[in-house]
Amino acid sequence: MGDALRRSIRDGEYTAGGKLPRIDDLAQQFGVARNTIQSALRVLTNEGLVTPRHGTGIFVRSSRPQPASSAGSDESRLDAVVEELAEVRQEVRELRQRMAQLESTIGERVSRDT
């Protein structure tokens, strides 16, 4: 599955900087389960070929995957980790805000009920 996506990117069906279709659409296109697409996308993310952006989709990073033995692969993996960390931090911020809103709502309801 990952090879088919890699080939689609290499052949220009999905271009660098472009957004991939939704997971459901890819699953239908390739005739496989969502889990298969998710696994393939994890592999391509680890290779530095695509990058997920929370809330917006998965984007192509490069038109050619870098070989694992190249010097740039460590750098691209580090870039992917740094980007993922930034996304996790943003998600934590958003969760904190949502939690504060929920606590406030609960506090208001408890005050009204007492």
PDB file of N, CA and C in Angstrom:
ATOM      1  N   MET A   1       0.818  -1.179   0.000  1.00  0.00           N
ATOM      2  CA  MET A   1       0.000   0.000   0.000  1.00  0.00           C
ATOM      3  C   MET A   1       0.869   1.253   0.000  1.00  0.00           C
ATOM      4  N   GLY A   2       1.878   1.262   0.852  1.00  0.00           N
ATOM      5  CA  GLY A   2       2.796   2.395   0.902  1.00  0.00           C
ATOM      6  C   GLY A   2       3.499   2.605  -0.424  1.00  0.00           C
ATOM      7  N   ASP A   3       3.812   1.491  -1.109  1.00  0.00           N
ATOM      8  CA  ASP A   3       4.468   1.587  -2.414  1.00  0.00           C
ATOM      9  C   ASP A   3       3.552   2.272  -3.428  1.00  0.00           C
ATOM     10  N   ALA A   4       2.267   1.957  -3.377  1.00  0.00           N
ATOM     11  CA  ALA A   4       1.320   2.561  -4.321  1.00  0.00           C
ATOM     12  C   ALA A   4       1.208   4.066  -4.078  1.00  0.00           C
ATOM     13  N   LEU A   5       1.147   4.468  -2.814  1.00  0.00           N
ATOM     14  CA  LEU A   5       1.096   5.900  -2.502  1.00  0.00           C
ATOM     15  C   LEU A   5       2.395   6.589  -2.900  1.00  0.00           C
ATOM     16  N   ARG A   6       3.505   5.925  -2.612  1.00  0.00           N
ATOM     17  CA  ARG A   6       4.813   6.458  -2.983  1.00  0.00           C
ATOM     18  C   ARG A   6       4.881   6.673  -4.497  1.00  0.00           C
ATOM     19  N   ARG A   7       4.407   5.685  -5.243  1.00  0.00           N
ATOM     20  CA  ARG A   7       4.392   5.761  -6.701  1.00  0.00           C
ATOM     21  C   ARG A   7       3.504   6.923  -7.180  1.00  0.00           C
ATOM     22  N   SER A   8       2.339   7.082  -6.549  1.00  0.00           N
ATOM     23  CA  SER A   8       1.435   8.178  -6.912  1.00  0.00           C
ATOM     24  C   SER A   8       2.092   9.533  -6.684  1.00  0.00           C
ATOM     25  N   ILE A   9       2.858   9.632  -5.616  1.00  0.00           N
ATOM     26  CA  ILE A   9       3.571  10.887  -5.330  1.00  0.00           C
ATOM     27  C   ILE A   9       4.682  11.076  -6.348  1.00  0.00           C
ATOM     28  N   ARG A  10       5.448  10.018  -6.599  1.00  0.00           N
ATOM     29  CA  ARG A  10       6.555  10.087  -7.562  1.00  0.00           C
ATOM     30  C   ARG A  10       6.057  10.434  -8.965  1.00  0.00           C
ATOM     31  N   ASP A  11       4.892   9.882  -9.336  1.00  0.00           N
ATOM     32  CA  ASP A  11       4.341  10.107 -10.675  1.00  0.00           C
ATOM     33  C   ASP A  11       3.639  11.454 -10.804  1.00  0.00           C
ATOM     34  N   GLY A  12       3.583  12.215  -9.708  1.00  0.00           N
ATOM     35  CA  GLY A  12       3.009  13.559  -9.776  1.00  0.00           C
ATOM     36  C   GLY A  12       1.516  13.630  -9.527  1.00  0.00           C
ATOM     37  N   GLU A  13       0.904  12.502  -9.180  1.00  0.00           N
ATOM     38  CA  GLU A  13      -0.525  12.540  -8.854  1.00  0.00           C
ATOM     39  C   GLU A  13      -0.750  13.404  -7.609  1.00  0.00           C
ATOM     40  N   TYR A  14       0.170  13.297  -6.668  1.00  0.00           N
ATOM     41  CA  TYR A  14       0.170  14.137  -5.461  1.00  0.00           C
ATOM     42  C   TYR A  14       1.502  14.881  -5.459  1.00  0.00           C
ATOM     43  N   THR A  15       1.464  16.186  -5.526  1.00  0.00           N
ATOM     44  CA  THR A  15       2.683  16.975  -5.669  1.00  0.00           C
ATOM     45  C   THR A  15       3.181  17.510  -4.335  1.00  0.00           C
ATOM     46  N   ALA A  16       4.455  17.878  -4.306  1.00  0.00           N
ATOM     47  CA  ALA A  16       5.069  18.431  -3.096  1.00  0.00           C
ATOM     48  C   ALA A  16       4.275  19.639  -2.631  1.00  0.00           C
ATOM     49  N   GLY A  17       3.936  19.654  -1.343  1.00  0.00           N
ATOM     50  CA  GLY A  17       3.147  20.727  -0.762  1.00  0.00           C
ATOM     51  C   GLY A  17       1.661  20.511  -0.877  1.00  0.00           C
ATOM     52  N   GLY A  18       1.272  19.534  -1.698  1.00  0.00           N
ATOM     53  CA  GLY A  18      -0.144  19.258  -1.903  1.00  0.00           C
ATOM     54  C   GLY A  18      -0.730  18.403  -0.799  1.00  0.00           C
ATOM     55  N   LYS A  19      -2.028  18.531  -0.645  1.00  0.00           N
ATOM     56  CA  LYS A  19      -2.751  17.775   0.376  1.00  0.00           C
ATOM     57  C   LYS A  19      -3.230  16.454  -0.210  1.00  0.00           C
ATOM     58  N   LEU A  20      -3.043  15.375   0.556  1.00  0.00           N
ATOM     59  CA  LEU A  20      -3.559  14.074   0.140  1.00  0.00           C
ATOM     60  C   LEU A  20      -5.064  14.025   0.382  1.00  0.00           C
ATOM     61  N   PRO A  21      -5.764  13.170  -0.354  1.00  0.00           N
ATOM     62  CA  PRO A  21      -7.196  12.978  -0.088  1.00  0.00           C
ATOM     63  C   PRO A  21      -7.403  12.435   1.332  1.00  0.00           C
ATOM     64  N   ARG A  22      -8.635  12.515   1.798  1.00  0.00           N
ATOM     65  CA  ARG A  22      -8.995  11.981   3.121  1.00  0.00           C
ATOM     66  C   ARG A  22      -8.718  10.476   3.161  1.00  0.00           C
ATOM     67  N   ILE A  23      -8.515   9.960   4.352  1.00  0.00           N
ATOM     68  CA  ILE A  23      -8.215   8.537   4.535  1.00  0.00           C
ATOM     69  C   ILE A  23      -9.318   7.672   3.938  1.00  0.00           C
ATOM     70  N   ASP A  24     -10.570   8.036   4.155  1.00  0.00           N
ATOM     71  CA  ASP A  24     -11.675   7.263   3.594  1.00  0.00           C
ATOM     72  C   ASP A  24     -11.609   7.236   2.064  1.00  0.00           C
ATOM     73  N   ASP A  25     -11.277   8.379   1.472  1.00  0.00           N
ATOM     74  CA  ASP A  25     -11.184   8.455   0.015  1.00  0.00           C
ATOM     75  C   ASP A  25     -10.024   7.610  -0.513  1.00  0.00           C
ATOM     76  N   LEU A  26      -8.885   7.643   0.191  1.00  0.00           N
ATOM     77  CA  LEU A  26      -7.743   6.816  -0.214  1.00  0.00           C
ATOM     78  C   LEU A  26      -8.079   5.333  -0.087  1.00  0.00           C
ATOM     79  N   ALA A  27      -8.766   4.970   0.984  1.00  0.00           N
ATOM     80  CA  ALA A  27      -9.150   3.570   1.189  1.00  0.00           C
ATOM     81  C   ALA A  27     -10.040   3.094   0.045  1.00  0.00           C
ATOM     82  N   GLN A  28     -10.975   3.944  -0.357  1.00  0.00           N
ATOM     83  CA  GLN A  28     -11.860   3.585  -1.467  1.00  0.00           C
ATOM     84  C   GLN A  28     -11.069   3.520  -2.778  1.00  0.00           C
ATOM     85  N   GLN A  29     -10.202   4.501  -2.994  1.00  0.00           N
ATOM     86  CA  GLN A  29      -9.410   4.559  -4.229  1.00  0.00           C
ATOM     87  C   GLN A  29      -8.553   3.309  -4.403  1.00  0.00           C
ATOM     88  N   PHE A  30      -7.912   2.859  -3.303  1.00  0.00           N
ATOM     89  CA  PHE A  30      -7.012   1.721  -3.390  1.00  0.00           C
ATOM     90  C   PHE A  30      -7.699   0.390  -3.041  1.00  0.00           C
ATOM     91  N   GLY A  31      -8.976   0.458  -2.637  1.00  0.00           N
ATOM     92  CA  GLY A  31      -9.722  -0.761  -2.330  1.00  0.00           C
ATOM     93  C   GLY A  31      -9.215  -1.495  -1.112  1.00  0.00           C
ATOM     94  N   VAL A  32      -8.835  -0.730  -0.079  1.00  0.00           N
ATOM     95  CA  VAL A  32      -8.321  -1.332   1.156  1.00  0.00           C
ATOM     96  C   VAL A  32      -9.027  -0.711   2.358  1.00  0.00           C
ATOM     97  N   ALA A  33      -8.790  -1.276   3.524  1.00  0.00           N
ATOM     98  CA  ALA A  33      -9.383  -0.764   4.760  1.00  0.00           C
ATOM     99  C   ALA A  33      -8.680   0.520   5.225  1.00  0.00           C
ATOM    100  N   ARG A  34      -9.397   1.307   6.024  1.00  0.00           N
ATOM    101  CA  ARG A  34      -8.836   2.540   6.590  1.00  0.00           C
ATOM    102  C   ARG A  34      -7.544   2.254   7.351  1.00  0.00           C
ATOM    103  N   ASN A  35      -7.527   1.157   8.106  1.00  0.00           N
ATOM    104  CA  ASN A  35      -6.336   0.818   8.904  1.00  0.00           C
ATOM    105  C   ASN A  35      -5.115   0.621   8.009  1.00  0.00           C
ATOM    106  N   THR A  36      -5.329   0.044   6.836  1.00  0.00           N
ATOM    107  CA  THR A  36      -4.228  -0.170   5.900  1.00  0.00           C
ATOM    108  C   THR A  36      -3.674   1.162   5.428  1.00  0.00           C
ATOM    109  N   ILE A  37      -4.559   2.104   5.115  1.00  0.00           N
ATOM    110  CA  ILE A  37      -4.134   3.445   4.698  1.00  0.00           C
ATOM    111  C   ILE A  37      -3.403   4.136   5.846  1.00  0.00           C
ATOM    112  N   GLN A  38      -3.944   4.047   7.045  1.00  0.00           N
ATOM    113  CA  GLN A  38      -3.304   4.688   8.193  1.00  0.00           C
ATOM    114  C   GLN A  38      -1.906   4.126   8.428  1.00  0.00           C
ATOM    115  N   SER A  39      -1.746   2.817   8.287  1.00  0.00           N
ATOM    116  CA  SER A  39      -0.419   2.205   8.448  1.00  0.00           C
ATOM    117  C   SER A  39       0.539   2.695   7.372  1.00  0.00           C
ATOM    118  N   ALA A  40       0.059   2.748   6.139  1.00  0.00           N
ATOM    119  CA  ALA A  40       0.911   3.222   5.041  1.00  0.00           C
ATOM    120  C   ALA A  40       1.309   4.677   5.255  1.00  0.00           C
ATOM    121  N   LEU A  41       0.382   5.493   5.719  1.00  0.00           N
ATOM    122  CA  LEU A  41       0.687   6.903   5.967  1.00  0.00           C
ATOM    123  C   LEU A  41       1.690   7.068   7.104  1.00  0.00           C
ATOM    124  N   ARG A  42       1.617   6.198   8.116  1.00  0.00           N
ATOM    125  CA  ARG A  42       2.612   6.243   9.198  1.00  0.00           C
ATOM    126  C   ARG A  42       4.001   5.946   8.645  1.00  0.00           C
ATOM    127  N   VAL A  43       4.091   4.957   7.768  1.00  0.00           N
ATOM    128  CA  VAL A  43       5.380   4.611   7.160  1.00  0.00           C
ATOM    129  C   VAL A  43       5.909   5.796   6.352  1.00  0.00           C
ATOM    130  N   LEU A  44       5.050   6.377   5.517  1.00  0.00           N
ATOM    131  CA  LEU A  44       5.473   7.510   4.687  1.00  0.00           C
ATOM    132  C   LEU A  44       5.826   8.721   5.536  1.00  0.00           C
ATOM    133  N   THR A  45       5.142   8.889   6.666  1.00  0.00           N
ATOM    134  CA  THR A  45       5.476   9.981   7.593  1.00  0.00           C
ATOM    135  C   THR A  45       6.843   9.735   8.206  1.00  0.00           C
ATOM    136  N   ASN A  46       7.089   8.503   8.648  1.00  0.00           N
ATOM    137  CA  ASN A  46       8.397   8.162   9.233  1.00  0.00           C
ATOM    138  C   ASN A  46       9.534   8.324   8.233  1.00  0.00           C
ATOM    139  N   GLU A  47       9.233   8.102   6.966  1.00  0.00           N
ATOM    140  CA  GLU A  47      10.244   8.281   5.917  1.00  0.00           C
ATOM    141  C   GLU A  47      10.446   9.755   5.567  1.00  0.00           C
ATOM    142  N   GLY A  48       9.550  10.606   6.050  1.00  0.00           N
ATOM    143  CA  GLY A  48       9.661  12.028   5.757  1.00  0.00           C
ATOM    144  C   GLY A  48       9.050  12.420   4.421  1.00  0.00           C
ATOM    145  N   LEU A  49       8.270  11.532   3.829  1.00  0.00           N
ATOM    146  CA  LEU A  49       7.660  11.820   2.529  1.00  0.00           C
ATOM    147  C   LEU A  49       6.390  12.651   2.668  1.00  0.00           C
ATOM    148  N   VAL A  50       5.625  12.398   3.721  1.00  0.00           N
ATOM    149  CA  VAL A  50       4.404  13.170   3.987  1.00  0.00           C
ATOM    150  C   VAL A  50       4.440  13.653   5.427  1.00  0.00           C
ATOM    151  N   THR A  51       3.621  14.652   5.705  1.00  0.00           N
ATOM    152  CA  THR A  51       3.542  15.167   7.065  1.00  0.00           C
ATOM    153  C   THR A  51       2.096  15.459   7.423  1.00  0.00           C
ATOM    154  N   PRO A  52       1.636  14.925   8.555  1.00  0.00           N
ATOM    155  CA  PRO A  52       0.270  15.237   8.987  1.00  0.00           C
ATOM    156  C   PRO A  52       0.231  16.605   9.663  1.00  0.00           C
ATOM    157  N   ARG A  53      -0.829  17.340   9.419  1.00  0.00           N
ATOM    158  CA  ARG A  53      -1.061  18.618  10.104  1.00  0.00           C
ATOM    159  C   ARG A  53      -2.406  18.513  10.779  1.00  0.00           C
ATOM    160  N   HIS A  54      -2.368  18.530  12.099  1.00  0.00           N
ATOM    161  CA  HIS A  54      -3.576  18.330  12.898  1.00  0.00           C
ATOM    162  C   HIS A  54      -4.699  19.258  12.440  1.00  0.00           C
ATOM    163  N   GLY A  55      -5.830  18.652  12.155  1.00  0.00           N
ATOM    164  CA  GLY A  55      -7.003  19.418  11.795  1.00  0.00           C
ATOM    165  C   GLY A  55      -7.066  19.868  10.346  1.00  0.00           C
ATOM    166  N   THR A  56      -5.995  19.652   9.570  1.00  0.00           N
ATOM    167  CA  THR A  56      -6.019  20.105   8.179  1.00  0.00           C
ATOM    168  C   THR A  56      -5.774  18.986   7.183  1.00  0.00           C
ATOM    169  N   GLY A  57      -5.070  17.951   7.542  1.00  0.00           N
ATOM    170  CA  GLY A  57      -4.842  16.842   6.624  1.00  0.00           C
ATOM    171  C   GLY A  57      -3.402  16.393   6.570  1.00  0.00           C
ATOM    172  N   ILE A  58      -3.090  15.622   5.549  1.00  0.00           N
ATOM    173  CA  ILE A  58      -1.742  15.078   5.356  1.00  0.00           C
ATOM    174  C   ILE A  58      -1.203  15.663   4.055  1.00  0.00           C
ATOM    175  N   PHE A  59       0.013  16.177   4.130  1.00  0.00           N
ATOM    176  CA  PHE A  59       0.599  16.893   3.012  1.00  0.00           C
ATOM    177  C   PHE A  59       1.882  16.222   2.536  1.00  0.00           C
ATOM    178  N   VAL A  60       2.132  16.313   1.243  1.00  0.00           N
ATOM    179  CA  VAL A  60       3.337  15.754   0.639  1.00  0.00           C
ATOM    180  C   VAL A  60       4.500  16.689   0.950  1.00  0.00           C
ATOM    181  N   ARG A  61       5.581  16.135   1.462  1.00  0.00           N
ATOM    182  CA  ARG A  61       6.767  16.945   1.793  1.00  0.00           C
ATOM    183  C   ARG A  61       7.760  17.003   0.652  1.00  0.00           C
ATOM    184  N   SER A  62       7.870  15.919  -0.110  1.00  0.00           N
ATOM    185  CA  SER A  62       8.870  15.850  -1.153  1.00  0.00           C
ATOM    186  C   SER A  62       8.355  14.940  -2.257  1.00  0.00           C
ATOM    187  N   SER A  63       8.798  15.169  -3.465  1.00  0.00           N
ATOM    188  CA  SER A  63       8.350  14.308  -4.549  1.00  0.00           C
ATOM    189  C   SER A  63       9.136  13.005  -4.602  1.00  0.00           C
ATOM    190  N   ARG A  64      10.249  12.936  -3.884  1.00  0.00           N
ATOM    191  CA  ARG A  64      11.055  11.718  -3.869  1.00  0.00           C
ATOM    192  C   ARG A  64      11.416  11.354  -2.437  1.00  0.00           C
ATOM    193  N   PRO A  65      11.097  10.128  -1.981  1.00  0.00           N
ATOM    194  CA  PRO A  65      11.533   9.724  -0.649  1.00  0.00           C
ATOM    195  C   PRO A  65      13.049   9.594  -0.614  1.00  0.00           C
ATOM    196  N   GLN A  66      13.624   9.968   0.497  1.00  0.00           N
ATOM    197  CA  GLN A  66      15.074   9.850   0.637  1.00  0.00           C
ATOM    198  C   GLN A  66      15.430   8.446   1.084  1.00  0.00           C
ATOM    199  N   PRO A  67      16.483   7.874   0.522  1.00  0.00           N
ATOM    200  CA  PRO A  67      16.904   6.551   0.976  1.00  0.00           C
ATOM    201  C   PRO A  67      17.291   6.598   2.452  1.00  0.00           C
ATOM    202  N   ALA A  68      17.015   5.517   3.149  1.00  0.00           N
ATOM    203  CA  ALA A  68      17.289   5.478   4.589  1.00  0.00           C
ATOM    204  C   ALA A  68      18.766   5.669   4.892  1.00  0.00           C
ATOM    205  N   SER A  69      19.637   5.324   3.966  1.00  0.00           N
ATOM    206  CA  SER A  69      21.070   5.422   4.233  1.00  0.00           C
ATOM    207  C   SER A  69      21.640   6.805   3.932  1.00  0.00           C
ATOM    208  N   SER A  70      20.850   7.713   3.343  1.00  0.00           N
ATOM    209  CA  SER A  70      21.397   9.027   2.993  1.00  0.00           C
ATOM    210  C   SER A  70      21.600   9.877   4.230  1.00  0.00           C
ATOM    211  N   ALA A  71      22.520  10.825   4.127  1.00  0.00           N
ATOM    212  CA  ALA A  71      22.823  11.692   5.266  1.00  0.00           C
ATOM    213  C   ALA A  71      21.629  12.539   5.641  1.00  0.00           C
ATOM    214  N   GLY A  72      20.802  12.912   4.673  1.00  0.00           N
ATOM    215  CA  GLY A  72      19.653  13.763   4.935  1.00  0.00           C
ATOM    216  C   GLY A  72      18.520  13.062   5.664  1.00  0.00           C
ATOM    217  N   SER A  73      18.539  11.721   5.693  1.00  0.00           N
ATOM    218  CA  SER A  73      17.417  11.023   6.308  1.00  0.00           C
ATOM    219  C   SER A  73      17.326  11.297   7.801  1.00  0.00           C
ATOM    220  N   ASP A  74      18.460  11.395   8.488  1.00  0.00           N
ATOM    221  CA  ASP A  74      18.425  11.722   9.911  1.00  0.00           C
ATOM    222  C   ASP A  74      17.848  13.114  10.107  1.00  0.00           C
ATOM    223  N   GLU A  75      18.233  14.038   9.247  1.00  0.00           N
ATOM    224  CA  GLU A  75      17.725  15.402   9.346  1.00  0.00           C
ATOM    225  C   GLU A  75      16.227  15.452   9.072  1.00  0.00           C
ATOM    226  N   SER A  76      15.765  14.725   8.063  1.00  0.00           N
ATOM    227  CA  SER A  76      14.335  14.753   7.751  1.00  0.00           C
ATOM    228  C   SER A  76      13.530  14.073   8.857  1.00  0.00           C
ATOM    229  N   ARG A  77      14.088  13.015   9.454  1.00  0.00           N
ATOM    230  CA  ARG A  77      13.400  12.382  10.581  1.00  0.00           C
ATOM    231  C   ARG A  77      13.344  13.329  11.764  1.00  0.00           C
ATOM    232  N   LEU A  78      14.429  14.060  12.010  1.00  0.00           N
ATOM    233  CA  LEU A  78      14.436  15.041  13.092  1.00  0.00           C
ATOM    234  C   LEU A  78      13.417  16.133  12.822  1.00  0.00           C
ATOM    235  N   ASP A  79      13.356  16.613  11.581  1.00  0.00           N
ATOM    236  CA  ASP A  79      12.358  17.624  11.218  1.00  0.00           C
ATOM    237  C   ASP A  79      10.952  17.105  11.472  1.00  0.00           C
ATOM    238  N   ALA A  80      10.703  15.844  11.112  1.00  0.00           N
ATOM    239  CA  ALA A  80       9.385  15.249  11.317  1.00  0.00           C
ATOM    240  C   ALA A  80       9.058  15.168  12.807  1.00  0.00           C
ATOM    241  N   VAL A  81      10.042  14.809  13.626  1.00  0.00           N
ATOM    242  CA  VAL A  81       9.829  14.716  15.071  1.00  0.00           C
ATOM    243  C   VAL A  81       9.558  16.097  15.658  1.00  0.00           C
ATOM    244  N   VAL A  82      10.323  17.086  15.225  1.00  0.00           N
ATOM    245  CA  VAL A  82      10.128  18.450  15.724  1.00  0.00           C
ATOM    246  C   VAL A  82       8.742  18.954  15.341  1.00  0.00           C
ATOM    247  N   GLU A  83       8.342  18.699  14.102  1.00  0.00           N
ATOM    248  CA  GLU A  83       7.019  19.129  13.656  1.00  0.00           C
ATOM    249  C   GLU A  83       5.915  18.411  14.430  1.00  0.00           C
ATOM    250  N   GLU A  84       6.095  17.128  14.646  1.00  0.00           N
ATOM    251  CA  GLU A  84       5.100  16.374  15.403  1.00  0.00           C
ATOM    252  C   GLU A  84       5.023  16.873  16.843  1.00  0.00           C
ATOM    253  N   LEU A  85       6.153  17.189  17.441  1.00  0.00           N
ATOM    254  CA  LEU A  85       6.174  17.728  18.791  1.00  0.00           C
ATOM    255  C   LEU A  85       5.412  19.049  18.858  1.00  0.00           C
ATOM    256  N   ALA A  86       5.617  19.904  17.864  1.00  0.00           N
ATOM    257  CA  ALA A  86       4.897  21.172  17.822  1.00  0.00           C
ATOM    258  C   ALA A  86       3.391  20.934  17.741  1.00  0.00           C
ATOM    259  N   GLU A  87       2.986  19.945  16.948  1.00  0.00           N
ATOM    260  CA  GLU A  87       1.566  19.616  16.830  1.00  0.00           C
ATOM    261  C   GLU A  87       1.015  19.096  18.149  1.00  0.00           C
ATOM    262  N   VAL A  88       1.784  18.253  18.832  1.00  0.00           N
ATOM    263  CA  VAL A  88       1.351  17.715  20.118  1.00  0.00           C
ATOM    264  C   VAL A  88       1.204  18.851  21.128  1.00  0.00           C
ATOM    265  N   ARG A  89       2.143  19.768  21.136  1.00  0.00           N
ATOM    266  CA  ARG A  89       2.057  20.910  22.056  1.00  0.00           C
ATOM    267  C   ARG A  89       0.790  21.726  21.792  1.00  0.00           C
ATOM    268  N   GLN A  90       0.483  21.956  20.510  1.00  0.00           N
ATOM    269  CA  GLN A  90      -0.721  22.695  20.162  1.00  0.00           C
ATOM    270  C   GLN A  90      -1.969  21.945  20.619  1.00  0.00           C
ATOM    271  N   GLU A  91      -1.984  20.643  20.432  1.00  0.00           N
ATOM    272  CA  GLU A  91      -3.124  19.840  20.872  1.00  0.00           C
ATOM    273  C   GLU A  91      -3.283  19.905  22.382  1.00  0.00           C
ATOM    274  N   VAL A  92      -2.187  19.874  23.115  1.00  0.00           N
ATOM    275  CA  VAL A  92      -2.246  19.969  24.581  1.00  0.00           C
ATOM    276  C   VAL A  92      -2.823  21.327  24.991  1.00  0.00           C
ATOM    277  N   ARG A  93      -2.364  22.405  24.318  1.00  0.00           N
ATOM    278  CA  ARG A  93      -2.922  23.742  24.606  1.00  0.00           C
ATOM    279  C   ARG A  93      -4.431  23.765  24.387  1.00  0.00           C
ATOM    280  N   GLU A  94      -4.855  23.197  23.250  1.00  0.00           N
ATOM    281  CA  GLU A  94      -6.286  23.174  22.935  1.00  0.00           C
ATOM    282  C   GLU A  94      -7.063  22.342  23.957  1.00  0.00           C
ATOM    283  N   LEU A  95      -6.497  21.221  24.368  1.00  0.00           N
ATOM    284  CA  LEU A  95      -7.157  20.383  25.372  1.00  0.00           C
ATOM    285  C   LEU A  95      -7.253  21.100  26.717  1.00  0.00           C
ATOM    286  N   ARG A  96      -6.214  21.829  27.083  1.00  0.00           N
ATOM    287  CA  ARG A  96      -6.263  22.605  28.330  1.00  0.00           C
ATOM    288  C   ARG A  96      -7.376  23.637  28.290  1.00  0.00           C
ATOM    289  N   GLN A  97      -7.509  24.313  27.134  1.00  0.00           N
ATOM    290  CA  GLN A  97      -8.575  25.310  26.993  1.00  0.00           C
ATOM    291  C   GLN A  97      -9.948  24.652  27.091  1.00  0.00           C
ATOM    292  N   ARG A  98     -10.112  23.537  26.417  1.00  0.00           N
ATOM    293  CA  ARG A  98     -11.396  22.832  26.470  1.00  0.00           C
ATOM    294  C   ARG A  98     -11.702  22.361  27.885  1.00  0.00           C
ATOM    295  N   MET A  99     -10.681  21.878  28.591  1.00  0.00           N
ATOM    296  CA  MET A  99     -10.868  21.416  29.960  1.00  0.00           C
ATOM    297  C   MET A  99     -11.291  22.574  30.861  1.00  0.00           C
ATOM    298  N   ALA A 100     -10.641  23.721  30.690  1.00  0.00           N
ATOM    299  CA  ALA A 100     -10.998  24.893  31.486  1.00  0.00           C
ATOM    300  C   ALA A 100     -12.443  25.305  31.213  1.00  0.00           C
ATOM    301  N   GLN A 101     -12.868  25.261  29.959  1.00  0.00           N
ATOM    302  CA  GLN A 101     -14.251  25.599  29.619  1.00  0.00           C
ATOM    303  C   GLN A 101     -15.224  24.616  30.250  1.00  0.00           C
ATOM    304  N   LEU A 102     -14.903  23.330  30.205  1.00  0.00           N
ATOM    305  CA  LEU A 102     -15.761  22.313  30.816  1.00  0.00           C
ATOM    306  C   LEU A 102     -15.852  22.497  32.324  1.00  0.00           C
ATOM    307  N   GLU A 103     -14.719  22.761  32.960  1.00  0.00           N
ATOM    308  CA  GLU A 103     -14.722  22.976  34.406  1.00  0.00           C
ATOM    309  C   GLU A 103     -15.551  24.192  34.768  1.00  0.00           C
ATOM    310  N   SER A 104     -15.464  25.227  33.969  1.00  0.00           N
ATOM    311  CA  SER A 104     -16.246  26.426  34.203  1.00  0.00           C
ATOM    312  C   SER A 104     -17.742  26.134  34.065  1.00  0.00           C
ATOM    313  N   THR A 105     -18.101  25.406  33.023  1.00  0.00           N
ATOM    314  CA  THR A 105     -19.504  25.052  32.797  1.00  0.00           C
ATOM    315  C   THR A 105     -20.037  24.205  33.940  1.00  0.00           C
ATOM    316  N   ILE A 106     -19.274  23.237  34.365  1.00  0.00           N
ATOM    317  CA  ILE A 106     -19.682  22.373  35.476  1.00  0.00           C
ATOM    318  C   ILE A 106     -19.831  23.192  36.746  1.00  0.00           C
ATOM    319  N   GLY A 107     -18.867  24.082  36.984  1.00  0.00           N
ATOM    320  CA  GLY A 107     -18.939  24.938  38.172  1.00  0.00           C
ATOM    321  C   GLY A 107     -20.183  25.806  38.175  1.00  0.00           C
ATOM    322  N   GLU A 108     -20.549  26.348  37.030  1.00  0.00           N
ATOM    323  CA  GLU A 108     -21.757  27.172  36.925  1.00  0.00           C
ATOM    324  C   GLU A 108     -23.004  26.349  37.192  1.00  0.00           C
ATOM    325  N   ARG A 109     -23.060  25.135  36.683  1.00  0.00           N
ATOM    326  CA  ARG A 109     -24.234  24.274  36.890  1.00  0.00           C
ATOM    327  C   ARG A 109     -24.365  23.867  38.349  1.00  0.00           C
ATOM    328  N   VAL A 110     -23.219  23.567  38.979  1.00  0.00           N
ATOM    329  CA  VAL A 110     -23.251  23.182  40.396  1.00  0.00           C
ATOM    330  C   VAL A 110     -23.736  24.371  41.224  1.00  0.00           C
ATOM    331  N   SER A 111     -23.270  25.566  40.904  1.00  0.00           N
ATOM    332  CA  SER A 111     -23.685  26.770  41.647  1.00  0.00           C
ATOM    333  C   SER A 111     -25.178  27.004  41.500  1.00  0.00           C
ATOM    334  N   ARG A 112     -25.716  26.793  40.317  1.00  0.00           N
ATOM    335  CA  ARG A 112     -27.157  26.989  40.099  1.00  0.00           C
ATOM    336  C   ARG A 112     -27.981  25.953  40.838  1.00  0.00           C
ATOM    337  N   ASP A 113     -27.476  24.725  40.905  1.00  0.00           N
ATOM    338  CA  ASP A 113     -28.230  23.634  41.527  1.00  0.00           C
ATOM    339  C   ASP A 113     -28.186  23.691  43.055  1.00  0.00           C
ATOM    340  N   THR A 114     -27.268  24.447  43.604  1.00  0.00           N
ATOM    341  CA  THR A 114     -27.167  24.488  45.079  1.00  0.00           C
ATOM    342  C   THR A 114     -27.779  25.734  45.646  1.00  0.00           C
TER     343      THR A 114
END
